[in-house]
């Protein structure tokens, strides 16, 4: 699966976002991270081929997440579903 990487000054956490290209909440999550200088990678699941979509779904559900977007995974363990500034701030220390 191909991820788009977004650089930032804060790269002490591995942040992965599974998003939809047309989702307002997904765009707000990406914007929040960019505004706070957090480096992250993302995949717009609706633009992936079937094999990669299945891989994305497996990555989300294997961590206990639901197939809801955006799903942000921090350090391969913390799953945040939806645009939750409070949780993002707490986990990322921003």
N, C-alpha and C. Protein backbone atom coordinates (compact mmCIF):
# COMPACT_ATOMS: atom_id res chain seq x y z
N UNK A 1 0.85 -1.18 0.00
CA UNK A 1 0.00 0.00 0.00
C UNK A 1 0.90 1.24 0.00
N UNK A 2 0.54 2.19 -0.80
CA UNK A 2 1.31 3.43 -0.94
C UNK A 2 0.74 4.51 -0.02
N UNK A 3 1.60 5.08 0.82
CA UNK A 3 1.20 6.18 1.69
C UNK A 3 1.79 7.47 1.18
N UNK A 4 1.06 8.56 1.38
CA UNK A 4 1.56 9.89 1.10
C UNK A 4 2.21 10.38 2.40
N UNK A 5 3.42 10.88 2.31
CA UNK A 5 4.11 11.36 3.50
C UNK A 5 4.05 12.88 3.57
N UNK A 6 3.78 13.38 4.76
CA UNK A 6 3.74 14.82 5.00
C UNK A 6 4.78 15.11 6.08
N UNK A 7 5.74 15.95 5.77
CA UNK A 7 6.80 16.23 6.73
C UNK A 7 6.34 17.25 7.76
N UNK A 8 7.02 17.22 8.89
CA UNK A 8 6.74 18.16 9.97
C UNK A 8 7.90 18.18 10.93
N UNK A 9 7.95 19.21 11.77
CA UNK A 9 9.04 19.35 12.74
C UNK A 9 8.95 18.30 13.83
N UNK A 10 7.73 17.87 14.14
CA UNK A 10 7.53 16.90 15.21
C UNK A 10 7.38 15.51 14.59
N UNK A 11 8.45 14.72 14.72
CA UNK A 11 8.41 13.38 14.13
C UNK A 11 8.73 12.30 15.17
N UNK A 12 8.46 12.61 16.44
CA UNK A 12 8.76 11.65 17.50
C UNK A 12 7.71 10.55 17.62
N UNK A 13 6.61 10.66 16.90
CA UNK A 13 5.58 9.63 16.86
C UNK A 13 5.36 9.20 15.42
N UNK A 14 5.02 7.92 15.25
CA UNK A 14 4.63 7.45 13.92
C UNK A 14 3.12 7.64 13.82
N UNK A 15 2.69 8.51 12.92
CA UNK A 15 1.27 8.83 12.78
C UNK A 15 0.81 8.42 11.39
N UNK A 16 -0.18 7.53 11.36
CA UNK A 16 -0.75 7.04 10.11
C UNK A 16 -2.24 7.34 10.10
N UNK A 17 -2.71 7.94 9.00
CA UNK A 17 -4.13 8.25 8.87
C UNK A 17 -4.71 7.47 7.70
N UNK A 18 -5.81 6.79 7.97
CA UNK A 18 -6.60 6.15 6.91
C UNK A 18 -7.79 7.08 6.71
N UNK A 19 -7.91 7.61 5.50
CA UNK A 19 -8.89 8.67 5.24
C UNK A 19 -9.68 8.37 3.97
N UNK A 20 -10.65 9.22 3.70
CA UNK A 20 -11.38 9.22 2.43
C UNK A 20 -11.10 10.56 1.77
N UNK A 21 -10.91 10.55 0.47
CA UNK A 21 -10.52 11.77 -0.25
C UNK A 21 -11.58 12.87 -0.18
N UNK A 22 -12.83 12.50 0.03
CA UNK A 22 -13.92 13.49 0.03
C UNK A 22 -14.43 13.83 1.43
N UNK A 23 -13.78 13.31 2.46
CA UNK A 23 -14.26 13.45 3.84
C UNK A 23 -13.76 14.74 4.47
N UNK A 24 -14.69 15.57 4.93
CA UNK A 24 -14.33 16.84 5.57
C UNK A 24 -13.56 16.59 6.86
N UNK A 25 -13.99 15.62 7.66
CA UNK A 25 -13.33 15.33 8.94
C UNK A 25 -11.90 14.83 8.70
N UNK A 26 -11.71 14.09 7.63
CA UNK A 26 -10.37 13.61 7.27
C UNK A 26 -9.48 14.79 6.93
N UNK A 27 -10.00 15.73 6.17
CA UNK A 27 -9.23 16.91 5.78
C UNK A 27 -8.90 17.76 7.01
N UNK A 28 -9.84 17.86 7.95
CA UNK A 28 -9.60 18.62 9.17
C UNK A 28 -8.52 17.97 10.03
N UNK A 29 -8.51 16.64 10.06
CA UNK A 29 -7.48 15.92 10.83
C UNK A 29 -6.10 16.18 10.22
N UNK A 30 -6.00 16.07 8.91
CA UNK A 30 -4.72 16.33 8.23
C UNK A 30 -4.28 17.78 8.47
N UNK A 31 -5.22 18.71 8.37
CA UNK A 31 -4.90 20.13 8.57
C UNK A 31 -4.44 20.39 9.99
N UNK A 32 -5.10 19.77 10.96
CA UNK A 32 -4.73 19.94 12.37
C UNK A 32 -3.29 19.48 12.59
N UNK A 33 -2.94 18.32 12.04
CA UNK A 33 -1.58 17.80 12.21
C UNK A 33 -0.57 18.72 11.52
N UNK A 34 -0.88 19.16 10.31
CA UNK A 34 0.02 20.07 9.59
C UNK A 34 0.20 21.39 10.34
N UNK A 35 -0.91 21.93 10.84
CA UNK A 35 -0.86 23.21 11.58
C UNK A 35 0.00 23.10 12.83
N UNK A 36 0.07 21.88 13.40
CA UNK A 36 0.85 21.67 14.62
C UNK A 36 2.24 21.09 14.33
N UNK A 37 2.61 21.04 13.06
CA UNK A 37 3.95 20.60 12.68
C UNK A 37 4.23 19.13 12.88
N UNK A 38 3.18 18.31 12.90
CA UNK A 38 3.35 16.88 13.13
C UNK A 38 3.56 16.17 11.78
N UNK A 39 4.61 15.37 11.69
CA UNK A 39 4.85 14.56 10.49
C UNK A 39 3.88 13.38 10.52
N UNK A 40 3.32 13.05 9.36
CA UNK A 40 2.39 11.93 9.29
C UNK A 40 2.37 11.36 7.89
N UNK A 41 1.76 10.18 7.79
CA UNK A 41 1.53 9.58 6.49
C UNK A 41 0.06 9.22 6.41
N UNK A 42 -0.46 9.22 5.18
CA UNK A 42 -1.88 8.91 5.04
C UNK A 42 -2.14 8.15 3.74
N UNK A 43 -3.28 7.47 3.76
CA UNK A 43 -3.78 6.80 2.56
C UNK A 43 -5.25 7.15 2.43
N UNK A 44 -5.65 7.60 1.25
CA UNK A 44 -7.07 7.83 0.97
C UNK A 44 -7.64 6.49 0.50
N UNK A 45 -8.32 5.81 1.40
CA UNK A 45 -8.76 4.43 1.18
C UNK A 45 -9.69 4.31 -0.03
N UNK A 46 -10.52 5.31 -0.27
CA UNK A 46 -11.45 5.24 -1.40
C UNK A 46 -10.74 5.28 -2.75
N UNK A 47 -9.48 5.70 -2.77
CA UNK A 47 -8.73 5.77 -4.03
C UNK A 47 -7.82 4.56 -4.25
N UNK A 48 -7.81 3.64 -3.29
CA UNK A 48 -6.96 2.45 -3.39
C UNK A 48 -7.61 1.37 -4.23
N UNK A 49 -6.79 0.47 -4.77
CA UNK A 49 -7.36 -0.69 -5.47
C UNK A 49 -7.86 -1.69 -4.42
N UNK A 50 -8.55 -2.71 -4.88
CA UNK A 50 -9.23 -3.65 -3.97
C UNK A 50 -8.24 -4.30 -3.00
N UNK A 51 -7.10 -4.72 -3.51
CA UNK A 51 -6.10 -5.39 -2.66
C UNK A 51 -5.63 -4.46 -1.54
N UNK A 52 -5.30 -3.22 -1.89
CA UNK A 52 -4.83 -2.26 -0.90
C UNK A 52 -5.94 -1.83 0.06
N UNK A 53 -7.18 -1.74 -0.43
CA UNK A 53 -8.32 -1.44 0.45
C UNK A 53 -8.44 -2.50 1.53
N UNK A 54 -8.35 -3.77 1.10
CA UNK A 54 -8.43 -4.87 2.06
C UNK A 54 -7.29 -4.80 3.07
N UNK A 55 -6.10 -4.44 2.60
CA UNK A 55 -4.95 -4.29 3.49
C UNK A 55 -5.18 -3.17 4.50
N UNK A 56 -5.75 -2.06 4.05
CA UNK A 56 -6.05 -0.94 4.95
C UNK A 56 -7.10 -1.35 5.98
N UNK A 57 -8.14 -2.02 5.54
CA UNK A 57 -9.19 -2.49 6.45
C UNK A 57 -8.60 -3.41 7.51
N UNK A 58 -7.71 -4.32 7.08
CA UNK A 58 -7.07 -5.26 8.00
C UNK A 58 -6.20 -4.50 9.01
N UNK A 59 -5.46 -3.50 8.54
CA UNK A 59 -4.60 -2.71 9.42
C UNK A 59 -5.41 -2.01 10.51
N UNK A 60 -6.57 -1.49 10.13
CA UNK A 60 -7.43 -0.78 11.09
C UNK A 60 -8.05 -1.75 12.09
N UNK A 61 -8.68 -2.81 11.58
CA UNK A 61 -9.40 -3.73 12.46
C UNK A 61 -8.46 -4.55 13.35
N UNK A 62 -7.24 -4.81 12.88
CA UNK A 62 -6.30 -5.60 13.68
C UNK A 62 -5.84 -4.82 14.93
N UNK A 63 -5.98 -3.51 14.89
CA UNK A 63 -5.61 -2.67 16.04
C UNK A 63 -6.84 -2.34 16.90
N UNK A 64 -7.98 -2.94 16.57
CA UNK A 64 -9.19 -2.72 17.36
C UNK A 64 -10.04 -1.57 16.86
N UNK A 65 -9.70 -1.01 15.71
CA UNK A 65 -10.47 0.09 15.17
C UNK A 65 -11.68 -0.39 14.38
N UNK A 66 -12.56 0.54 14.06
CA UNK A 66 -13.72 0.23 13.22
C UNK A 66 -13.50 0.90 11.88
N UNK A 67 -14.19 0.45 10.87
CA UNK A 67 -14.02 1.02 9.53
C UNK A 67 -14.80 2.32 9.41
N UNK A 68 -14.27 3.31 10.09
CA UNK A 68 -14.84 4.64 10.11
C UNK A 68 -13.69 5.61 9.84
N UNK A 69 -13.97 6.71 9.20
CA UNK A 69 -12.89 7.60 8.77
C UNK A 69 -13.09 9.02 9.27
N UNK A 70 -12.01 9.68 9.62
CA UNK A 70 -10.63 9.20 9.57
C UNK A 70 -10.32 8.26 10.73
N UNK A 71 -9.40 7.35 10.51
CA UNK A 71 -8.84 6.54 11.57
C UNK A 71 -7.36 6.90 11.64
N UNK A 72 -6.95 7.39 12.80
CA UNK A 72 -5.55 7.77 13.01
C UNK A 72 -4.93 6.76 13.95
N UNK A 73 -3.79 6.21 13.55
CA UNK A 73 -3.07 5.26 14.40
C UNK A 73 -1.73 5.89 14.76
N UNK A 74 -1.50 5.99 16.07
CA UNK A 74 -0.27 6.60 16.57
C UNK A 74 0.62 5.51 17.17
N UNK A 75 1.85 5.44 16.69
CA UNK A 75 2.85 4.49 17.18
C UNK A 75 2.37 3.03 17.10
N UNK A 76 1.56 2.73 16.12
CA UNK A 76 1.05 1.37 15.88
C UNK A 76 0.25 0.80 17.05
N UNK A 77 -0.23 1.66 17.96
CA UNK A 77 -1.00 1.12 19.08
C UNK A 77 -2.22 1.94 19.46
N UNK A 78 -2.15 3.25 19.40
CA UNK A 78 -3.28 4.09 19.79
C UNK A 78 -4.13 4.39 18.56
N UNK A 79 -5.42 4.01 18.63
CA UNK A 79 -6.35 4.20 17.52
C UNK A 79 -7.33 5.31 17.88
N UNK A 80 -7.41 6.32 17.02
CA UNK A 80 -8.34 7.43 17.22
C UNK A 80 -9.26 7.47 16.00
N UNK A 81 -10.55 7.31 16.26
CA UNK A 81 -11.53 7.31 15.18
C UNK A 81 -12.24 8.65 15.16
N UNK A 82 -12.28 9.27 13.99
CA UNK A 82 -12.93 10.56 13.85
C UNK A 82 -11.95 11.69 14.07
N UNK A 83 -12.43 12.91 13.92
CA UNK A 83 -11.62 14.10 14.14
C UNK A 83 -11.72 14.48 15.60
N UNK A 84 -10.73 14.02 16.38
CA UNK A 84 -10.75 14.22 17.84
C UNK A 84 -9.52 15.01 18.25
N UNK A 85 -9.63 16.33 18.18
CA UNK A 85 -8.50 17.19 18.53
C UNK A 85 -8.00 16.91 19.94
N UNK A 86 -8.93 16.69 20.87
CA UNK A 86 -8.55 16.46 22.26
C UNK A 86 -7.65 15.23 22.38
N UNK A 87 -8.03 14.14 21.72
CA UNK A 87 -7.23 12.92 21.80
C UNK A 87 -5.91 13.07 21.06
N UNK A 88 -5.93 13.72 19.92
CA UNK A 88 -4.70 13.94 19.16
C UNK A 88 -3.72 14.78 19.98
N UNK A 89 -4.21 15.85 20.61
CA UNK A 89 -3.35 16.70 21.43
C UNK A 89 -2.72 15.91 22.56
N UNK A 90 -3.53 15.09 23.22
CA UNK A 90 -3.05 14.32 24.36
C UNK A 90 -1.98 13.30 23.94
N UNK A 91 -2.26 12.53 22.92
CA UNK A 91 -1.35 11.49 22.49
C UNK A 91 -0.06 12.05 21.89
N UNK A 92 -0.18 13.14 21.13
CA UNK A 92 0.98 13.70 20.43
C UNK A 92 1.69 14.80 21.23
N UNK A 93 1.10 15.24 22.31
CA UNK A 93 1.71 16.28 23.12
C UNK A 93 1.81 17.63 22.41
N UNK A 94 0.77 17.99 21.68
CA UNK A 94 0.77 19.28 20.99
C UNK A 94 -0.21 20.25 21.63
